[in-house]
Structure formats: structure tokens, C-alpha cells
């Protein structure tokens, strides 16, 4: 008779400490073999040297006084100068427009239940409120301006309350209020004849980062639906519609934006009556929007072509008409698939707004360059100015990229 030797169950030992946690990650990714170890040490040494000399220059050698001297010029340009606002105080108008933005961010936080929207809303509110404590005299930054800046933080929570405790807390209402806020911003900045406190201010004096943001927001919001329409038109079975869309897309994609901005001085007025009031801001907005729409159309068309034909065939088998198949099935999936390309186009559009100096507009880059050239005592500080501008542009571009990555994770782009 066979004898079965029973042994006591053994306890599984934990993995070695060098295989888990931070030591495990370092060993697997940085010190897995002799080549990776040498490469890690060399790259780490170079990075530490660069960090040391970079921080040493930033905190000890660089002279940031030029940024303090530029001050509000970087934000609103010459909007509040005596030439632009003769006999009146116009500085409150951009502050009021900024309050509308922070209220909308608070409402977006309210309907999204936190997450990335909460972080963006609180960051904007806190940073703008901290600007009120910049070391400027009351003659240069008055008490009223400081109060309006500080009010942006409670404005975020005001928007949060509106979204949670009023019928306005829906995505539809936020879109509607966003459009209203954009036009109110234009009215505040441009002014209305005959209205006390809202005397018109010529767009010639609009500049700084405010100009870049206005052109970028207008271009992004308007070019997106135009790009969708162009993409659908290029795939249309109607020869005339398809031809017109193809010609539009290829012309705008085949000509540099700088050339189009130059041409806008001559071609854009031809599309309007002779007595229609046109200005450089409107021309720049039209050209930048159409230029971006052409690239957006190709991004959307790529997403549509990436869909399996069975999607549309299944919709037709269920009896859905063509417009419902496109709007409810094909287009949402196409947009989801090309979110990285769409956001990349938005980032490029924001950076391209700095090219409006070609038609004489003083954006944040051009107003800094002209200030340096017009004040020889600051010529040695040009490096500090343009490094500061690079950081500002990076913050906005990285913010869009970060939001894009959050949306992609939420929608599972590339996962299913």
C-alpha cells in the first residue's frame, strides 16, 4: 500500500526589496545593465549641472526688473494709456471681463464634480487674486484694480454656487453663457458710444496677452465647426460642394499664415461693403480662423476615414437617415479618435497669434520687443524678457495639453 507523505503548506515569501517599490523601479528602468547604468549616471550629471547653472542664473544673475517695468503692458498693452482712454479709466474693463471668465470656470467645476476642472478653476482664481499683491505703488495699481483682482477668487465659488443651486448648472447653459460672456467682453473692451464709462477704445490700442487670448479663443471656437463642415463637405457626394471644400482647404493649407495676414489687408475688405467698418483685429481674426479651419478639416476627415465602414452600414440597416448616421454615430467617434490632433491644432493656433505683428498689432511678444528696442537701457535684459514670454506660452500650451490628456483618459482614446 502506497504511503502518501503530506507536507505542511509553505508560506509564499515576499519578493526581494530590490524588485519592488522605488528600488525596483530604479533597477528595472535606470540600472538594468551596465550600459543603462553608465547612461543614467552621465545624463544625471549633465542634468544636475544644467539645473545648477540654470537656477543660479534665474535667482542670482538675471535682472527681472524689466518684467516689473513692463507690468500691465504685457497683459493689456496700451489699452489703459492716456492716448487710448483720454479722460477716463479703462482699466476696470479687462478686470470685469476676467471676472466673467472665472465665474464660468466655477460653473464648469460645479457640473463636472471636481477633477481637472476644479484644479483649473482654483488655480486661475488664486493666481489672479495674487496679482493684486504685486509690489506696485497705488499710483500705478490702484486700490480698485486690486479689489477687482482679488474678487476673482470668490467669483469662482460664485460660479460653483450658480451651477449647483440654480437651473444654470447644465453644459448647455454654460455654453450659452460662454458665448454671451465672449460678446460682453468685446463690448466692454471696445465700448459703446454714448454710454457713460464705456467710451469706445480703438483696437489699435489693444495688445499684450489679452490680444493673443482673444484671437485664440475666437479662432478655436469658430474654426472647430467650420472645420467639421469642411470635412463633411469634402466627403460629400455632391461634386460642387466637394470641389469648393477641396479648393478652400488646399488653398489655405498651401499658403503660409504670414502671407495670408498680408493679403488680409487687401482681400478681406473685398468681401464686405465699402462702408462696412473693418479693422486690423477683425481681419486677423478672420484669417487665423479660416487658416485653422482648413487644418481642422483634415484632422476631422482623417478621423472619419479611420472608422470601419460597418458602422455606417449598420446604421443604414437600422433605418437611420444619412444625417443621423453622421451626427450621431460617425462624427462623435471620429472626433474622439483625433482629440490629440485637434488639441495640437489648438496649441498651434494659440502660438500663431503672435504673428499678428505683421499687420501692426502689438501682441505680447511684439510689445515686449518694441519696448526693449525703444529703451536702450534694457537692451541687456532682452534675454530675461523672452525667457519669461517662453514660460508664459508654455504654461498655456501645457494647460491645453494637460486637459487633452485628461479627456483622452476619460474617453479611453486608444484603449478601446
Protein backbone atom coordinates (compact mmCIF):
# COMPACT_ATOMS: atom_id res chain seq x y z
CA UNK A 1 0.00 0.00 0.00
CA UNK A 2 1.43 3.33 -1.06
CA UNK A 3 2.20 5.82 1.66
CA UNK A 4 1.37 9.47 0.95
CA UNK A 5 3.71 11.86 2.67
CA UNK A 6 1.83 15.03 3.48
CA UNK A 7 3.93 18.15 3.87
CA UNK A 8 2.88 21.33 5.56
CA UNK A 9 1.92 24.15 3.14
CA UNK A 10 4.75 26.61 2.67
CA UNK A 11 4.27 30.32 3.08
CA UNK A 12 5.00 32.37 -0.05
CA UNK A 13 7.93 34.65 0.55
CA UNK A 14 7.62 38.31 -0.46
CA UNK A 15 9.69 39.46 -3.44
CA UNK A 16 13.12 40.93 -2.69
CA UNK A 17 13.12 44.58 -1.72
CA UNK A 18 15.29 45.36 -4.72
CA UNK A 19 12.45 44.21 -7.02
CA UNK A 20 9.60 46.33 -5.64
CA UNK A 21 8.89 49.97 -4.88
CA UNK A 22 11.29 52.73 -5.79
CA UNK A 23 14.42 50.49 -5.72
CA UNK A 24 12.71 48.06 -8.05
CA UNK A 25 11.67 50.78 -10.47
CA UNK A 26 15.19 52.26 -10.47
CA UNK A 27 16.76 48.90 -11.14
CA UNK A 28 14.29 47.98 -13.90
CA UNK A 29 14.35 51.32 -15.71
CA UNK A 30 17.68 53.00 -14.98
CA UNK A 31 20.19 50.39 -13.82
CA UNK A 32 19.09 47.20 -15.58
CA UNK A 33 22.51 46.62 -17.19
CA UNK A 34 25.96 48.22 -17.40
CA UNK A 35 25.10 50.36 -20.44
CA UNK A 36 21.93 51.80 -18.87
CA UNK A 37 23.83 52.43 -15.63
CA UNK A 38 26.55 54.46 -17.40
CA UNK A 39 23.94 56.32 -19.44
CA UNK A 40 21.93 57.13 -16.30
CA UNK A 41 24.98 58.47 -14.47
CA UNK A 42 26.12 60.62 -17.41
CA UNK A 43 22.65 62.04 -18.14
CA UNK A 44 22.03 62.64 -14.42
CA UNK A 45 25.31 64.52 -14.06
CA UNK A 46 24.55 66.71 -17.09
CA UNK A 47 21.01 67.38 -15.84
CA UNK A 48 22.27 68.36 -12.38
CA UNK A 49 24.86 70.73 -13.88
CA UNK A 50 22.25 72.31 -16.14
CA UNK A 51 19.84 72.65 -13.23
CA UNK A 52 22.52 74.20 -11.01
CA UNK A 53 23.65 76.79 -13.53
CA UNK A 54 20.05 77.46 -14.63
CA UNK A 55 18.80 78.11 -11.11
CA UNK A 56 21.92 80.14 -10.33
CA UNK A 57 21.19 82.40 -13.30
CA UNK A 58 17.47 82.69 -12.51
CA UNK A 59 17.88 83.62 -8.83
CA UNK A 60 21.23 85.43 -8.74
CA UNK A 61 22.48 86.60 -12.12
CA UNK A 62 19.30 87.53 -14.03
CA UNK A 63 17.79 91.00 -13.71
CA UNK A 64 14.00 90.71 -13.71
CA UNK A 65 13.37 94.41 -13.17
CA UNK A 66 12.41 94.75 -16.83
CA UNK A 67 9.39 92.46 -16.26
CA UNK A 68 8.27 94.63 -13.36
CA UNK A 69 8.72 97.74 -15.51
CA UNK A 70 6.67 96.29 -18.36
CA UNK A 71 3.93 95.30 -15.89
CA UNK A 72 0.47 95.78 -17.34
CA UNK A 73 1.81 96.28 -20.86
CA UNK A 74 2.38 92.54 -21.03
CA UNK A 75 -1.27 91.88 -20.14
CA UNK A 76 -3.36 94.59 -21.81
CA UNK A 77 -0.86 96.52 -23.92
CA UNK A 78 -1.56 100.22 -24.33
CA UNK A 79 -5.28 99.84 -23.53
CA UNK A 80 -5.19 101.99 -20.38
CA UNK A 81 -2.88 104.73 -21.64
CA UNK A 82 -3.97 108.34 -21.92
CA UNK A 83 -3.97 108.10 -25.72
CA UNK A 84 -6.43 105.19 -25.65
CA UNK A 85 -8.65 106.34 -22.77
CA UNK A 86 -8.45 110.09 -22.75
CA UNK A 87 -10.12 111.46 -19.61
CA UNK A 88 -11.43 108.10 -18.38
CA UNK A 89 -10.33 105.00 -16.51
CA UNK A 90 -10.47 101.94 -18.76
CA UNK A 91 -8.51 99.54 -16.61
CA UNK A 92 -11.62 98.14 -14.93
CA UNK A 93 -12.99 96.78 -18.20
CA UNK A 94 -10.47 93.93 -18.65
CA UNK A 95 -10.85 93.14 -14.96
CA UNK A 96 -14.63 92.85 -15.35
CA UNK A 97 -14.17 90.58 -18.38
CA UNK A 98 -11.80 88.41 -16.34
CA UNK A 99 -14.44 88.08 -13.63
CA UNK A 100 -16.83 86.65 -16.24
CA UNK A 101 -14.23 84.03 -17.13
CA UNK A 102 -13.65 82.95 -13.53
CA UNK A 103 -17.40 82.69 -12.92
CA UNK A 104 -17.70 80.40 -15.95
CA UNK A 105 -14.78 78.29 -14.67
CA UNK A 106 -16.56 77.95 -11.34
CA UNK A 107 -19.74 76.83 -13.12
CA UNK A 108 -17.73 74.28 -15.11
CA UNK A 109 -16.35 73.00 -11.82
CA UNK A 110 -19.89 72.69 -10.49
CA UNK A 111 -21.17 70.47 -13.30
CA UNK A 112 -18.01 68.35 -13.51
CA UNK A 113 -17.90 67.43 -9.80
CA UNK A 114 -14.23 68.32 -9.36
CA UNK A 115 -11.30 66.74 -11.13
CA UNK A 116 -9.24 68.70 -13.61
CA UNK A 117 -11.89 71.42 -13.92
CA UNK A 118 -11.71 72.09 -10.20
CA UNK A 119 -7.92 72.38 -10.30
CA UNK A 120 -8.02 74.75 -13.28
CA UNK A 121 -10.71 76.97 -11.73
CA UNK A 122 -8.96 77.23 -8.37
CA UNK A 123 -5.54 77.79 -9.97
CA UNK A 124 -6.83 80.64 -12.14
CA UNK A 125 -8.70 82.22 -9.23
CA UNK A 126 -5.75 82.03 -6.83
CA UNK A 127 -3.13 83.21 -9.34
CA UNK A 128 -5.21 86.18 -10.49
CA UNK A 129 -6.01 87.13 -6.89
CA UNK A 130 -2.30 87.03 -6.01
CA UNK A 131 -1.59 89.56 -8.77
CA UNK A 132 -3.27 92.13 -6.54
CA UNK A 133 -0.30 91.91 -4.18
CA UNK A 134 2.37 92.79 -6.72
CA UNK A 135 4.81 95.36 -5.30
CA UNK A 136 3.46 98.34 -7.24
CA UNK A 137 2.54 101.71 -5.79
CA UNK A 138 -1.10 102.76 -5.53
CA UNK A 139 -0.46 105.30 -8.29
CA UNK A 140 0.46 102.51 -10.69
CA UNK A 141 -2.02 99.88 -9.47
CA UNK A 142 -4.93 101.48 -7.72
CA UNK A 143 -7.00 100.04 -4.89
CA UNK A 144 -9.97 99.49 -7.21
CA UNK A 145 -7.86 97.35 -9.52
CA UNK A 146 -6.55 95.28 -6.60
CA UNK A 147 -10.08 94.70 -5.31
CA UNK A 148 -11.24 93.54 -8.75
CA UNK A 149 -8.31 91.13 -8.98
CA UNK A 150 -8.95 89.68 -5.52
CA UNK A 151 -12.64 89.29 -6.42
CA UNK A 152 -11.73 86.58 -8.95
CA UNK A 153 -11.30 84.02 -6.17
CA UNK A 154 -14.81 84.45 -4.71
CA UNK A 155 -16.09 84.67 -8.30
CA UNK A 156 -15.01 81.04 -8.78
CA UNK A 157 -17.15 79.98 -5.82
CA UNK A 158 -19.99 82.20 -7.07
CA UNK A 159 -19.96 80.24 -10.32
CA UNK A 160 -19.83 77.00 -8.34
CA UNK A 161 -22.94 78.03 -6.43
CA UNK A 162 -24.76 79.07 -9.61
CA UNK A 163 -24.06 75.66 -11.14
CA UNK A 164 -25.14 73.64 -8.11
CA UNK A 165 -28.11 75.57 -6.80
CA UNK A 166 -29.71 77.16 -9.89
CA UNK A 167 -31.11 75.80 -13.17
CA UNK A 168 -27.99 77.19 -14.92
CA UNK A 169 -25.91 74.19 -13.85
CA UNK A 170 -26.00 72.36 -17.18
CA UNK A 171 -23.49 72.09 -20.01
CA UNK A 172 -25.98 73.69 -22.38
CA UNK A 173 -26.35 76.78 -20.22
CA UNK A 174 -22.61 77.08 -19.73
CA UNK A 175 -22.08 77.07 -23.49
CA UNK A 176 -24.78 79.72 -23.93
CA UNK A 177 -23.37 81.86 -21.12
CA UNK A 178 -19.86 81.40 -22.52
CA UNK A 179 -20.95 82.84 -25.87
CA UNK A 180 -22.71 85.71 -24.09
CA UNK A 181 -19.64 86.36 -21.94
CA UNK A 182 -17.41 86.49 -25.03
CA UNK A 183 -19.58 89.13 -26.70
CA UNK A 184 -19.87 91.05 -23.41
CA UNK A 185 -16.08 91.02 -23.23
CA UNK A 186 -15.87 92.53 -26.70
CA UNK A 187 -18.43 95.18 -25.74
CA UNK A 188 -16.55 96.02 -22.55
CA UNK A 189 -13.22 96.31 -24.32
CA UNK A 190 -14.49 98.12 -27.42
CA UNK A 191 -17.02 100.33 -25.65
CA UNK A 192 -20.35 101.78 -26.71
CA UNK A 193 -20.79 105.36 -27.99
CA UNK A 194 -22.87 107.49 -25.66
CA UNK A 195 -22.73 105.11 -22.69
CA UNK A 196 -21.03 106.67 -19.65
CA UNK A 197 -17.89 104.78 -18.69
CA UNK A 198 -17.91 102.80 -21.94
CA UNK A 199 -16.44 105.32 -24.34
CA UNK A 200 -15.06 103.50 -27.41
CA UNK A 201 -11.43 102.43 -27.39
CA UNK A 202 -9.83 101.83 -30.78
CA UNK A 203 -8.49 98.32 -31.42
CA UNK A 204 -5.20 99.98 -32.31
CA UNK A 205 -4.54 100.16 -28.56
CA UNK A 206 -5.47 96.54 -27.90
CA UNK A 207 -2.40 94.44 -27.23
CA UNK A 208 -0.48 92.24 -24.86
CA UNK A 209 -1.52 88.77 -23.79
CA UNK A 210 -5.16 89.88 -23.91
CA UNK A 211 -4.92 90.18 -27.69
CA UNK A 212 -3.38 86.70 -28.05
CA UNK A 213 -6.09 85.14 -25.90
CA UNK A 214 -8.95 86.88 -27.73
CA UNK A 215 -7.68 85.80 -31.13
CA UNK A 216 -7.02 82.26 -29.89
CA UNK A 217 -10.44 81.84 -28.25
CA UNK A 218 -12.27 83.24 -31.27
CA UNK A 219 -10.23 81.11 -33.65
CA UNK A 220 -10.65 77.90 -31.66
CA UNK A 221 -14.39 78.27 -31.10
CA UNK A 222 -15.24 79.28 -34.67
CA UNK A 223 -12.73 77.16 -36.60
CA UNK A 224 -13.93 73.92 -35.00
CA UNK A 225 -17.47 73.87 -36.50
CA UNK A 226 -16.17 75.31 -39.79
CA UNK A 227 -13.58 72.54 -39.94
CA UNK A 228 -16.25 69.89 -39.32
CA UNK A 229 -18.40 71.34 -42.11
CA UNK A 230 -15.43 71.39 -44.50
CA UNK A 231 -14.51 67.79 -43.66
CA UNK A 232 -18.06 66.61 -44.28
CA UNK A 233 -18.22 68.68 -47.48
CA UNK A 234 -15.01 67.15 -48.78
CA UNK A 235 -16.53 63.68 -48.30
CA UNK A 236 -19.82 64.74 -49.87
CA UNK A 237 -21.22 63.05 -52.96
CA UNK A 238 -22.21 66.43 -54.40
CA UNK A 239 -19.45 67.40 -56.88
CA UNK A 240 -19.84 71.17 -56.48
CA UNK A 241 -19.77 71.05 -52.67
CA UNK A 242 -16.81 68.70 -52.67
CA UNK A 243 -14.88 70.85 -55.17
CA UNK A 244 -15.45 74.05 -53.19
CA UNK A 245 -14.32 72.42 -49.94
CA UNK A 246 -11.24 70.89 -51.57
CA UNK A 247 -10.23 74.22 -53.11
CA UNK A 248 -10.72 76.07 -49.81
CA UNK A 249 -8.74 73.52 -47.79
CA UNK A 250 -5.86 73.20 -50.22
CA UNK A 251 -5.52 76.95 -50.77
CA UNK A 252 -5.38 77.80 -47.06
CA UNK A 253 -3.13 74.84 -46.25
CA UNK A 254 -0.79 75.68 -49.11
CA UNK A 255 -0.16 79.33 -48.21
CA UNK A 256 1.82 80.46 -45.13
CA UNK A 257 -0.15 82.27 -42.44
CA UNK A 258 2.14 85.30 -42.70
CA UNK A 259 1.28 85.63 -46.38
CA UNK A 260 -2.42 85.37 -45.62
CA UNK A 261 -2.14 88.08 -42.97
CA UNK A 262 -0.51 90.35 -45.52
CA UNK A 263 -3.20 89.52 -48.07
CA UNK A 264 -5.91 90.25 -45.48
CA UNK A 265 -5.12 93.93 -45.81
CA UNK A 266 -6.37 93.76 -49.42
CA UNK A 267 -8.60 90.71 -49.83
CA UNK A 268 -10.75 90.75 -46.69
CA UNK A 269 -12.21 94.24 -47.38
CA UNK A 270 -13.33 92.99 -50.82
CA UNK A 271 -15.78 90.59 -49.15
CA UNK A 272 -17.64 93.40 -47.36
CA UNK A 273 -19.43 96.56 -48.48
CA UNK A 274 -17.30 99.67 -48.88
CA UNK A 275 -18.87 101.40 -45.87
CA UNK A 276 -18.51 98.32 -43.61
CA UNK A 277 -16.25 99.15 -40.64
CA UNK A 278 -13.21 96.88 -40.77
CA UNK A 279 -10.17 96.95 -38.52
CA UNK A 280 -6.96 95.04 -38.14
CA UNK A 281 -8.32 92.91 -35.29
CA UNK A 282 -11.28 91.68 -37.33
CA UNK A 283 -9.05 90.95 -40.32
CA UNK A 284 -6.59 89.00 -38.21
CA UNK A 285 -9.40 87.02 -36.53
CA UNK A 286 -10.95 86.10 -39.90
CA UNK A 287 -7.65 84.96 -41.44
CA UNK A 288 -6.49 82.98 -38.39
CA UNK A 289 -9.89 81.30 -38.08
CA UNK A 290 -10.07 80.27 -41.73
CA UNK A 291 -6.45 79.11 -41.72
CA UNK A 292 -7.05 76.93 -38.65
CA UNK A 293 -10.34 75.62 -40.06
CA UNK A 294 -8.54 74.22 -43.10
CA UNK A 295 -6.19 72.16 -40.92
CA UNK A 296 -9.04 71.21 -38.60
CA UNK A 297 -10.99 69.86 -41.58
CA UNK A 298 -8.18 67.46 -42.45
CA UNK A 299 -7.94 66.27 -38.84
CA UNK A 300 -11.67 65.54 -38.75
CA UNK A 301 -11.58 63.90 -42.18
CA UNK A 302 -8.78 61.61 -41.00
CA UNK A 303 -10.91 60.55 -38.05
CA UNK A 304 -13.89 59.86 -40.32
CA UNK A 305 -11.81 57.78 -42.71
CA UNK A 306 -10.40 55.74 -39.82
CA UNK A 307 -13.87 54.43 -38.93
CA UNK A 308 -14.82 50.98 -40.15
CA UNK A 309 -17.43 51.11 -42.96
CA UNK A 310 -19.53 48.68 -40.99
CA UNK A 311 -20.51 51.48 -38.62
CA UNK A 312 -22.40 53.35 -41.33
CA UNK A 313 -23.71 50.14 -42.87
CA UNK A 314 -25.19 49.04 -39.53
CA UNK A 315 -26.82 52.44 -39.11
CA UNK A 316 -28.39 52.23 -42.56
CA UNK A 317 -29.57 48.70 -41.81
CA UNK A 318 -31.39 50.09 -38.76
CA UNK A 319 -33.10 52.64 -40.97
CA UNK A 320 -31.25 55.75 -39.82
CA UNK A 321 -31.09 58.53 -42.42
CA UNK A 322 -27.71 59.82 -43.56
CA UNK A 323 -27.64 62.95 -41.40
CA UNK A 324 -28.39 60.97 -38.24
CA UNK A 325 -25.72 58.42 -39.11
CA UNK A 326 -23.17 61.21 -39.48
CA UNK A 327 -24.13 63.31 -36.46
CA UNK A 328 -24.91 60.52 -34.00
CA UNK A 329 -22.53 57.72 -34.97
CA UNK A 330 -19.68 58.64 -37.30
CA UNK A 331 -18.81 62.17 -36.20
CA UNK A 332 -18.64 61.58 -32.41
CA UNK A 333 -16.33 58.58 -32.90
CA UNK A 334 -14.18 60.48 -35.39
CA UNK A 335 -13.74 63.45 -33.07
CA UNK A 336 -12.92 61.13 -30.18
CA UNK A 337 -10.23 59.39 -32.20
CA UNK A 338 -8.48 62.60 -33.26
CA UNK A 339 -8.58 64.52 -29.98
CA UNK A 340 -4.74 64.69 -29.84
CA UNK A 341 -4.59 66.14 -33.35
CA UNK A 342 -7.38 68.63 -32.60
CA UNK A 343 -5.72 69.89 -29.43
CA UNK A 344 -2.40 70.05 -31.25
CA UNK A 345 -4.05 72.34 -33.80
CA UNK A 346 -5.46 74.50 -30.99
CA UNK A 347 -1.99 74.83 -29.46
CA UNK A 348 -0.51 75.78 -32.84
CA UNK A 349 -3.29 78.34 -33.31
CA UNK A 350 -2.53 79.97 -29.96
CA UNK A 351 1.16 80.25 -30.80
CA UNK A 352 0.39 81.56 -34.30
CA UNK A 353 -1.43 84.55 -32.81
CA UNK A 354 1.98 86.09 -32.19
CA UNK A 355 2.29 86.60 -35.97
CA UNK A 356 -0.26 89.43 -35.97
CA UNK A 357 2.61 91.87 -35.53
CA UNK A 358 2.89 91.57 -39.33
CA UNK A 359 -0.20 93.78 -39.68
CA UNK A 360 0.85 96.22 -36.97
CA UNK A 361 -0.81 94.71 -33.88
CA UNK A 362 1.12 94.69 -30.61
CA UNK A 363 0.71 91.24 -29.13
CA UNK A 364 2.62 90.23 -26.00
CA UNK A 365 5.76 89.31 -27.96
CA UNK A 366 5.83 92.37 -30.20
CA UNK A 367 5.09 94.81 -27.39
CA UNK A 368 8.00 93.35 -25.42
CA UNK A 369 10.34 93.55 -28.40
CA UNK A 370 9.36 97.13 -29.19
CA UNK A 371 9.81 98.12 -25.53
CA UNK A 372 13.33 96.65 -25.48
CA UNK A 373 14.30 98.38 -28.71
CA UNK A 374 12.79 101.69 -27.62
CA UNK A 375 14.58 101.71 -24.27
CA UNK A 376 18.32 101.15 -24.77
CA UNK A 377 18.90 100.82 -21.03
CA UNK A 378 17.01 97.50 -21.14
CA UNK A 379 18.81 96.01 -24.16
CA UNK A 380 20.91 93.81 -21.87
CA UNK A 381 17.71 92.38 -20.35
CA UNK A 382 16.23 91.05 -23.60
CA UNK A 383 17.14 87.50 -22.56
CA UNK A 384 15.06 87.75 -19.39
CA UNK A 385 12.08 89.14 -21.30
CA UNK A 386 11.94 86.41 -23.92
CA UNK A 387 12.57 83.62 -21.41
CA UNK A 388 9.66 84.97 -19.39
CA UNK A 389 7.46 85.02 -22.53
CA UNK A 390 8.51 81.47 -23.37
CA UNK A 391 7.41 80.35 -19.90
CA UNK A 392 4.06 82.14 -20.30
CA UNK A 393 3.35 80.47 -23.64
CA UNK A 394 4.47 77.11 -22.25
CA UNK A 395 2.05 77.40 -19.33
CA UNK A 396 -0.93 77.97 -21.62
CA UNK A 397 0.12 75.30 -24.13
CA UNK A 398 0.85 72.74 -21.42
CA UNK A 399 -2.51 73.55 -19.84
CA UNK A 400 -4.30 72.67 -23.08
CA UNK A 401 -2.21 69.52 -23.44
CA UNK A 402 -2.98 68.50 -19.84
CA UNK A 403 -6.72 68.97 -20.34
CA UNK A 404 -6.47 66.97 -23.56
CA UNK A 405 -4.75 64.06 -21.79
CA UNK A 406 -7.44 64.06 -19.09
CA UNK A 407 -10.18 63.96 -21.73
CA UNK A 408 -8.40 61.15 -23.55
CA UNK A 409 -8.16 59.08 -20.35
CA UNK A 410 -11.82 59.73 -19.59
CA UNK A 411 -12.95 58.67 -23.07
CA UNK A 412 -10.47 55.82 -23.32
CA UNK A 413 -8.82 57.06 -26.51
CA UNK A 414 -6.50 54.37 -27.84
CA UNK A 415 -7.74 51.79 -25.34
CA UNK A 416 -10.98 50.58 -26.87
